[in-house]
């Protein structure tokens, strides 16, 4: 009798365990299905929003009136926010995707800042139009790659949960179609970032000024060739092609170009004084042979050779084997944000790869600076009290109206983020707040 009772109890226990296990399995499956549906929806929404974003940027390039352009730019800003949200819901935490997110941020910042200004009085400049064209081209390449991934996902019934597992386990044998597609997107955006110097500048010149700091005598074509030869480090001057800007150009320039031995370059220099305004050299950049700091020393040397003195490093970034450095002119230990120069250095051997000084020559002058009405402590009281102030200095920036203002510049930390905050030194207004981009975090493979 006892034996049968035990058998019955065991049978009930096994049955209860089976029912519990089945319920657990069903609940787990429901959670996985819900997560998969969320990932699928976010991915297809991202593809849709990138499609719209590309079309909206293209439409903007064809517009010419403030009444239509400002709402269009506001819509682009909205779409970038939605695309950001879509990316945030995908299981990409273990996949480097920061450059794509920075690209979306760049579009958002550009469209917002342009939409809120009076475009009738201050229309899009040639440089802003070129930036829009670059954004349009890159967004089109991203759209096409996402469409390709979308097609493969639908055709092969791929699951995002498998992507998450492959990323978490670093499984090279798994079907990584989706991962490969997103890595291609990242490489596409990386090309845009490097081509655009890759560093944002708060408080630098947004208005189109006359080039007020060009000095010296006009140079002829032979002199332009000799200067380009030195900058390009080309032995034979016959390899350099020189063209002169036409009538109606923003500034009279010589454009120099060359292509030889796997290297090609382009450079603009002013006819007045022969000042280099921009330079780009394209070549294969190998693995880093010098540090980011050593590259900075190279950049400083290039600036001195160009006759640009009292330049202070403001920001530096490394993009694979390329160092990008932003310098500001310093007057009486006060940073002049409108007088900016950007230098791009190859970290394999320290070669100059890029240079732009247009903001500097547009804005540079010795300024008659007023004394601050507010002391450092008075200005500090205008900063959010939750921000832990680390550094302070005076700086001249351009406000949203394009006017130069003297400010107290504070560098502070809030939580895990660092901010640069500018307080008007005359009236205490909070002119600008910028969240600084952190260094790219590298993860070692798990052992």
Foldseek 3Di string as FASTA:
>chain_A
DVVVVVVVVVVVVVVVVVVVVVVVVVVVVVVQVVLQVLLVVLLVLLLVLLVVLLVLLVVLLVDDDLVPNLVSLVVNLVSLVSNLVSVVSALCPLPPQVLVNVLSVVSNVLSVLQSPDDCVVFNDDPVNSVVSVLNSVLSVVLSVLSVVLVVCCVVVVDTSVQVNVCSVQVDPPDPCSVSVSSVVNSVSSLVVCVVVLNDDFPQAFPGDFQLAQFAAAFDDPVVLLVVVCVQVVPDDSVQKDWDWDDPPDSATWIWIWGDDDQKIKIWIAHRRNRQTAKMAMDHDFDAAPADLVVLVVLVVVVCVVRVNPQWDWDDWADRGQKIKTKIFHADPNATERQQIKMWMFGRNPNRTGMIHGRSNSRDDDRDPDDDFPDDPVRLVVLDDPQWAWDDWDWYWGQASNRDTFIWIWTWTDHDPWIKIWTAGRHPRDGRDIGIDDDHDDDDDDDD
